[in-house]
């Protein structure tokens, strides 16, 4: 089957391209910045497409010509302070991809969503896919994911679209893998902080009741492959079965959890963000603290899917790769170093404002 993967050079995109190619599919990857010659270029044919360009709809339709399925994994977390740009990539880019799928005769669209799209509501009981998808109003990422789901659900209900196009949207929790250490490190670790100190932190500040669900990128790619194979529509929660508490979150970082009141963590994060000393604003912490835990029963029943990696193992793999300065072989997942960070800070400004990183 010919499958196009838009955003094929990111965390989920790289794992998806690798999995679909390994399954024998004819894969075309698309991205704004193409991978250098190496493993990724042997797994797929690559086309440069910028979903924010004025010609995006035409470029996407040309890309998708002859494809039976399309995976939309494009998303912009950076630049953090440019939410207008983020929305053009993740929401407007999705709208253009749906239009391009219809123009090119694509039969199946799999668009990556997130459990971050869910309304706040942590009660201790995992929720299924019927939980409200209104996002957390205090987190731009969450609002954008909810807006993207509004686009997906509206298209799926449209008889003119549904006659041609099956639409599916996986909702993974935090997606981790060693190859994403570069990209996730750029948004989750303080600028100019040496990565080698990560496994040796004496303490790790966390909320008193912190809980984290993680899923490995390879397991997300496995679910996407199964969704395409079965042509299963609608949303699917994806997560490893274990839930990480403060001790499990802090353990790979070498320290013990320093349990702090959530209000204090939020104030400190807001202050660091305002001073351009931290790449994430407090909205991310609010989303992480309030997003519900999820039940993956639908994926297990309908796709035969189960995570092969525990959340603890995926989290440990990510942190270990960050500490060792590892990453992937695409521009979006490249390894990072303090020297590179310092150079780009001088030449390009803070990471929270850069379009190209």
Protein backbone atom coordinates (compact mmCIF):
# COMPACT_ATOMS: atom_id res chain seq x y z
CA UNK A 1 0.00 0.00 0.00
CA UNK A 2 1.24 3.49 -0.75
CA UNK A 3 1.10 5.63 2.40
CA UNK A 4 2.15 9.25 2.84
CA UNK A 5 3.34 10.47 6.25
CA UNK A 6 3.13 14.24 6.72
CA UNK A 7 5.45 15.31 9.51
CA UNK A 8 7.51 12.17 9.03
CA UNK A 9 10.67 13.56 10.64
CA UNK A 10 9.33 14.16 14.16
CA UNK A 11 9.05 11.95 17.24
CA UNK A 12 5.99 9.96 16.15
CA UNK A 13 6.59 10.46 12.43
CA UNK A 14 10.01 8.79 12.40
CA UNK A 15 8.70 5.74 14.26
CA UNK A 16 5.70 5.54 11.92
CA UNK A 17 7.79 5.78 8.74
CA UNK A 18 10.12 3.07 10.03
CA UNK A 19 7.27 0.75 11.01
CA UNK A 20 5.26 1.14 7.80
CA UNK A 21 8.38 0.64 5.67
CA UNK A 22 9.28 -2.47 7.67
CA UNK A 23 5.78 -3.80 6.98
CA UNK A 24 6.50 -3.53 3.26
CA UNK A 25 4.44 -0.43 2.45
CA UNK A 26 5.53 2.14 -0.15
CA UNK A 27 6.08 5.12 2.15
CA UNK A 28 6.45 8.76 1.16
CA UNK A 29 7.56 11.05 3.95
CA UNK A 30 6.91 14.78 3.90
CA UNK A 31 8.42 17.51 6.04
CA UNK A 32 9.53 21.13 5.97
CA UNK A 33 13.15 20.05 6.62
CA UNK A 34 14.19 16.77 5.03
CA UNK A 35 16.46 14.20 6.69
CA UNK A 36 20.10 13.95 5.70
CA UNK A 37 21.18 10.80 3.83
CA UNK A 38 21.00 7.88 6.25
CA UNK A 39 18.55 5.42 7.74
CA UNK A 40 15.44 7.58 7.27
CA UNK A 41 16.17 8.21 3.59
CA UNK A 42 16.31 4.47 2.91
CA UNK A 43 12.98 3.88 4.65
CA UNK A 44 10.95 6.28 2.51
CA UNK A 45 10.85 8.59 -0.46
CA UNK A 46 10.97 12.16 0.82
CA UNK A 47 9.21 15.32 -0.38
CA UNK A 48 9.59 18.81 1.02
CA UNK A 49 6.20 20.26 2.02
CA UNK A 50 5.50 23.24 4.29
CA UNK A 51 1.90 23.08 5.51
CA UNK A 52 2.04 26.80 6.39
CA UNK A 53 2.87 27.94 2.84
CA UNK A 54 0.33 29.62 0.57
CA UNK A 55 0.56 26.67 -1.85
CA UNK A 56 0.14 24.03 0.88
CA UNK A 57 -3.17 22.59 -0.35
CA UNK A 58 -1.84 22.15 -3.90
CA UNK A 59 1.50 20.81 -2.64
CA UNK A 60 -0.25 18.32 -0.36
CA UNK A 61 -2.61 17.16 -3.11
CA UNK A 62 0.40 16.53 -5.39
CA UNK A 63 2.14 14.65 -2.59
CA UNK A 64 -0.91 12.48 -1.91
CA UNK A 65 -1.63 11.59 -5.53
CA UNK A 66 -1.77 7.78 -5.68
CA UNK A 67 -1.68 7.30 -1.90
CA UNK A 68 -4.28 5.01 -0.36
CA UNK A 69 -3.69 6.31 3.18
CA UNK A 70 -2.24 9.42 4.78
CA UNK A 71 -0.82 9.86 8.28
CA UNK A 72 -0.84 13.45 9.54
CA UNK A 73 1.81 13.74 12.25
CA UNK A 74 2.77 17.38 11.68
CA UNK A 75 2.73 19.59 14.76
CA UNK A 76 4.69 22.58 16.01
CA UNK A 77 5.51 22.76 19.70
CA UNK A 78 8.19 25.33 18.98
CA UNK A 79 8.37 28.28 18.91
CA UNK A 80 6.51 28.33 22.23
CA UNK A 81 5.77 32.04 22.08
CA UNK A 82 4.33 31.86 18.56
CA UNK A 83 0.95 30.22 19.08
CA UNK A 84 -0.24 31.68 15.77
CA UNK A 85 2.42 29.65 13.96
CA UNK A 86 1.58 26.53 15.99
CA UNK A 87 -2.07 26.81 14.98
CA UNK A 88 -1.18 27.26 11.31
CA UNK A 89 0.75 23.98 11.41
CA UNK A 90 -1.48 21.81 13.58
CA UNK A 91 -4.98 23.09 12.88
CA UNK A 92 -4.90 24.89 9.54
CA UNK A 93 -2.43 22.31 8.21
CA UNK A 94 -4.87 19.57 9.16
CA UNK A 95 -7.74 21.33 7.37
CA UNK A 96 -5.61 21.61 4.24
CA UNK A 97 -4.62 17.95 4.49
CA UNK A 98 -8.26 16.87 4.64
CA UNK A 99 -8.98 18.96 1.54
CA UNK A 100 -5.92 17.49 -0.20
CA UNK A 101 -6.97 13.93 0.70
CA UNK A 102 -10.33 14.53 -0.93
CA UNK A 103 -8.75 16.06 -4.02
CA UNK A 104 -6.26 13.20 -4.40
CA UNK A 105 -8.76 10.40 -3.74
CA UNK A 106 -7.11 9.18 -0.52
CA UNK A 107 -9.30 6.64 1.29
CA UNK A 108 -7.99 6.81 4.86
CA UNK A 109 -6.59 9.62 7.01
CA UNK A 110 -4.93 8.90 10.36
CA UNK A 111 -4.33 12.20 12.18
CA UNK A 112 -2.37 12.25 15.42
CA UNK A 113 -4.18 13.82 18.33
CA UNK A 114 -3.29 13.66 22.03
CA UNK A 115 -4.83 12.93 25.41
CA UNK A 116 -3.94 16.58 26.01
CA UNK A 117 -7.10 17.41 24.05
CA UNK A 118 -9.26 16.12 26.89
CA UNK A 119 -11.02 18.46 29.28
CA UNK A 120 -9.46 18.62 32.76
CA UNK A 121 -10.91 15.95 34.99
CA UNK A 122 -8.48 13.75 36.89
CA UNK A 123 -10.54 11.62 39.28
CA UNK A 124 -8.34 8.53 39.66
CA UNK A 125 -10.50 6.56 37.24
CA UNK A 126 -9.22 6.20 33.67
CA UNK A 127 -11.53 7.66 31.03
CA UNK A 128 -12.44 6.24 27.65
CA UNK A 129 -12.76 8.06 24.34
CA UNK A 130 -16.16 9.54 25.29
CA UNK A 131 -14.60 11.99 27.78
CA UNK A 132 -15.18 15.62 26.68
CA UNK A 133 -12.60 16.96 24.24
CA UNK A 134 -12.56 20.66 25.07
CA UNK A 135 -8.90 21.02 26.06
CA UNK A 136 -7.38 22.79 29.03
CA UNK A 137 -8.06 26.53 28.60
CA UNK A 138 -4.79 27.39 30.39
CA UNK A 139 -2.55 25.48 27.95
CA UNK A 140 -2.11 26.56 24.32
CA UNK A 141 -1.07 23.06 23.21
CA UNK A 142 -4.20 21.56 24.77
CA UNK A 143 -6.46 24.17 23.18
CA UNK A 144 -4.89 23.56 19.79
CA UNK A 145 -5.28 19.78 20.04
CA UNK A 146 -8.95 20.25 20.98
CA UNK A 147 -9.40 22.58 17.99
CA UNK A 148 -7.81 19.98 15.70
CA UNK A 149 -10.21 17.34 17.03
CA UNK A 150 -13.13 19.65 16.27
CA UNK A 151 -11.91 19.71 12.66
CA UNK A 152 -11.56 15.91 12.59
CA UNK A 153 -14.93 15.18 14.17
CA UNK A 154 -16.66 17.67 11.88
CA UNK A 155 -15.12 16.12 8.79
CA UNK A 156 -15.97 12.60 9.96
CA UNK A 157 -19.64 13.64 10.37
CA UNK A 158 -19.82 15.27 6.94
CA UNK A 159 -21.54 12.79 4.56
CA UNK A 160 -19.66 14.20 1.57
CA UNK A 161 -16.33 13.51 3.30
CA UNK A 162 -17.30 10.23 4.93
CA UNK A 163 -18.38 8.77 1.58
CA UNK A 164 -14.76 8.80 0.47
CA UNK A 165 -12.54 9.18 3.51
CA UNK A 166 -12.23 7.11 6.70
CA UNK A 167 -10.81 9.34 9.45
CA UNK A 168 -9.03 7.99 12.55
CA UNK A 169 -7.29 9.88 15.31
CA UNK A 170 -5.05 8.17 17.89
CA UNK A 171 -4.80 9.96 21.24
CA UNK A 172 -1.46 9.00 22.81
CA UNK A 173 -0.21 10.13 26.19
CA UNK A 174 3.36 11.49 26.44
CA UNK A 175 5.26 9.78 23.60
CA UNK A 176 8.86 8.86 24.43
CA UNK A 177 11.80 7.17 22.73
CA UNK A 178 15.55 7.62 22.81
CA UNK A 179 15.57 9.11 19.30
CA UNK A 180 13.35 11.95 20.53
CA UNK A 181 15.85 13.04 23.19
CA UNK A 182 17.03 15.96 21.07
CA UNK A 183 13.59 17.36 20.27
CA UNK A 184 12.05 16.77 23.69
CA UNK A 185 15.20 18.01 25.40
CA UNK A 186 14.90 21.31 23.57
CA UNK A 187 11.50 21.95 25.11
CA UNK A 188 11.82 20.18 28.46
CA UNK A 189 15.26 21.08 29.77
CA UNK A 190 16.53 24.51 30.77
CA UNK A 191 18.58 26.23 28.06
CA UNK A 192 22.36 25.81 28.41
CA UNK A 193 21.94 23.08 31.04
CA UNK A 194 24.51 20.28 30.46
CA UNK A 195 22.59 17.08 29.71
CA UNK A 196 25.15 14.92 31.51
CA UNK A 197 23.89 16.17 34.88
CA UNK A 198 20.39 14.77 34.33
CA UNK A 199 21.00 11.34 35.93
CA UNK A 200 22.70 13.00 38.91
CA UNK A 201 20.13 15.51 40.11
CA UNK A 202 19.89 15.37 43.92
CA UNK A 203 16.14 16.09 43.83
CA UNK A 204 13.42 16.36 41.19
CA UNK A 205 10.69 18.93 41.92
CA UNK A 206 7.29 17.37 41.24
CA UNK A 207 3.73 17.97 42.32
CA UNK A 208 2.69 16.18 45.47
CA UNK A 209 0.26 13.96 43.58
CA UNK A 210 2.07 13.82 40.23
CA UNK A 211 0.99 11.04 37.88
CA UNK A 212 2.32 10.51 34.37
CA UNK A 213 1.29 8.13 31.61
CA UNK A 214 3.87 7.44 28.89
CA UNK A 215 3.79 5.42 25.68
CA UNK A 216 6.75 4.45 23.51
CA UNK A 217 6.82 5.86 19.96
CA UNK A 218 7.18 2.34 18.54
CA UNK A 219 3.93 1.34 20.25
CA UNK A 220 2.15 4.37 18.77
CA UNK A 221 3.48 3.40 15.34
CA UNK A 222 2.20 -0.15 15.92
CA UNK A 223 -1.27 1.22 16.67
CA UNK A 224 -1.18 3.39 13.53
CA UNK A 225 -0.22 0.37 11.41
CA UNK A 226 -3.13 -1.60 12.90
CA UNK A 227 -5.56 1.28 12.34
CA UNK A 228 -4.55 1.43 8.67
CA UNK A 229 -4.79 -2.33 8.28
CA UNK A 230 -8.28 -2.50 9.82
CA UNK A 231 -9.52 0.90 8.51
CA UNK A 232 -10.90 1.58 11.97
CA UNK A 233 -12.40 5.07 12.35
CA UNK A 234 -12.56 7.48 15.24
CA UNK A 235 -10.42 8.10 18.34
CA UNK A 236 -8.16 5.62 20.12
CA UNK A 237 -6.50 6.20 23.50
CA UNK A 238 -2.91 4.93 23.55
CA UNK A 239 -0.77 4.46 26.66
CA UNK A 240 1.38 1.93 28.44
CA UNK A 241 -0.53 0.30 31.30
CA UNK A 242 1.60 1.61 34.18
CA UNK A 243 1.17 5.05 35.74
CA UNK A 244 4.33 6.80 36.92
CA UNK A 245 4.19 8.50 40.30
CA UNK A 246 6.69 10.99 41.78
CA UNK A 247 9.22 8.27 42.62
CA UNK A 248 9.12 6.70 39.13
CA UNK A 249 9.38 10.13 37.48
CA UNK A 250 12.43 11.11 39.55
CA UNK A 251 14.24 7.75 39.55
CA UNK A 252 15.87 7.96 36.05
CA UNK A 253 17.06 11.46 36.95
CA UNK A 254 19.07 10.03 39.82
CA UNK A 255 17.33 11.98 42.55
CA UNK A 256 14.48 11.65 44.92
CA UNK A 257 11.17 13.39 44.29
CA UNK A 258 10.84 16.77 45.97
CA UNK A 259 7.08 16.98 46.42
CA UNK A 260 5.98 20.59 46.21
CA UNK A 261 2.55 22.27 46.25
CA UNK A 262 1.27 22.68 42.71
CA UNK A 263 0.68 26.40 43.22
CA UNK A 264 4.35 26.90 44.07
CA UNK A 265 5.56 24.95 41.04
CA UNK A 266 3.30 26.99 38.79
CA UNK A 267 4.51 30.32 40.19
CA UNK A 268 8.16 29.32 39.80
CA UNK A 269 7.60 28.06 36.25
CA UNK A 270 5.75 31.24 35.28
CA UNK A 271 8.62 33.34 36.64
CA UNK A 272 11.27 31.33 34.76
CA UNK A 273 9.20 31.48 31.57
CA UNK A 274 8.80 35.24 31.87
CA UNK A 275 12.57 35.58 32.30
CA UNK A 276 13.20 33.35 29.22
CA UNK A 277 15.03 30.86 31.46
CA UNK A 278 12.67 27.93 30.89
CA UNK A 279 11.27 26.69 27.55
CA UNK A 280 7.81 25.63 28.82
CA UNK A 281 5.17 27.88 30.32
CA UNK A 282 3.12 26.87 33.33
CA UNK A 283 0.20 25.88 31.11
CA UNK A 284 2.01 22.63 30.35
CA UNK A 285 2.25 21.82 34.05
CA UNK A 286 -1.43 22.62 34.49
CA UNK A 287 -2.34 20.31 31.63
CA UNK A 288 -0.10 17.52 32.96
CA UNK A 289 -1.61 17.81 36.44
CA UNK A 290 -5.22 17.92 35.27
CA UNK A 291 -5.42 15.70 32.17
CA UNK A 292 -7.35 12.53 33.01
CA UNK A 293 -5.73 9.12 33.06
CA UNK A 294 -6.89 7.13 30.05
CA UNK A 295 -8.25 3.68 29.40
CA UNK A 296 -6.95 1.90 26.28
CA UNK A 297 -9.70 -0.72 26.09
CA UNK A 298 -10.93 0.29 22.64
CA UNK A 299 -7.51 -0.10 21.02
CA UNK A 300 -7.04 -3.44 22.76
CA UNK A 301 -10.44 -4.80 21.71
CA UNK A 302 -10.71 -3.46 18.16
CA UNK A 303 -7.08 -3.37 17.07
CA UNK A 304 -5.60 -6.19 19.13
CA UNK A 305 -3.12 -3.58 20.37
CA UNK A 306 -1.15 -3.61 23.61
CA UNK A 307 1.89 -1.55 24.50
CA UNK A 308 5.03 -3.68 24.38
CA UNK A 309 7.05 -1.17 26.42
CA UNK A 310 6.17 -0.10 29.93
CA UNK A 311 5.83 3.59 30.57
CA UNK A 312 8.70 3.41 33.05
CA UNK A 313 11.00 1.84 30.44
CA UNK A 314 10.07 4.41 27.80
CA UNK A 315 10.64 7.27 30.25
CA UNK A 316 13.99 5.80 31.32
CA UNK A 317 15.07 5.37 27.69
CA UNK A 318 14.27 9.01 26.97
CA UNK A 319 16.08 10.41 30.00
CA UNK A 320 19.12 8.18 29.41
CA UNK A 321 19.35 9.33 25.78
CA UNK A 322 19.10 12.98 26.87
CA UNK A 323 21.93 12.49 29.37
CA UNK A 324 24.12 10.85 26.72
CA UNK A 325 23.49 13.58 24.17
CA UNK A 326 21.71 11.25 21.77
CA UNK A 327 18.86 11.88 19.36
CA UNK A 328 17.57 10.98 15.92
CA UNK A 329 18.89 11.50 12.42
CA UNK A 330 16.42 14.12 11.22
CA UNK A 331 16.56 17.90 11.72
CA UNK A 332 13.59 17.72 14.09
CA UNK A 333 15.13 15.03 16.32
CA UNK A 334 18.84 15.84 16.05
CA UNK A 335 20.95 15.65 19.22
CA UNK A 336 21.58 18.86 21.06
CA UNK A 337 24.58 20.20 22.96
CA UNK A 338 25.28 23.16 25.23
CA UNK A 339 27.62 24.55 22.57
CA UNK A 340 24.88 24.38 19.92
CA UNK A 341 22.36 25.90 22.33
CA UNK A 342 24.66 28.81 23.10
CA UNK A 343 25.42 29.45 19.43
CA UNK A 344 21.76 29.41 18.42
CA UNK A 345 20.82 31.62 21.37
CA UNK A 346 23.24 34.27 20.07
CA UNK A 347 22.41 33.89 16.36
CA UNK A 348 18.70 33.01 16.42
CA UNK A 349 17.38 34.10 19.80
CA UNK A 350 15.50 32.04 22.41
CA UNK A 351 14.16 28.65 21.31
CA UNK A 352 10.67 29.77 22.34
CA UNK A 353 10.66 32.26 19.44
CA UNK A 354 12.42 30.33 16.67
CA UNK A 355 10.54 28.83 13.75
CA UNK A 356 13.59 26.83 12.69
CA UNK A 357 15.44 24.97 15.46
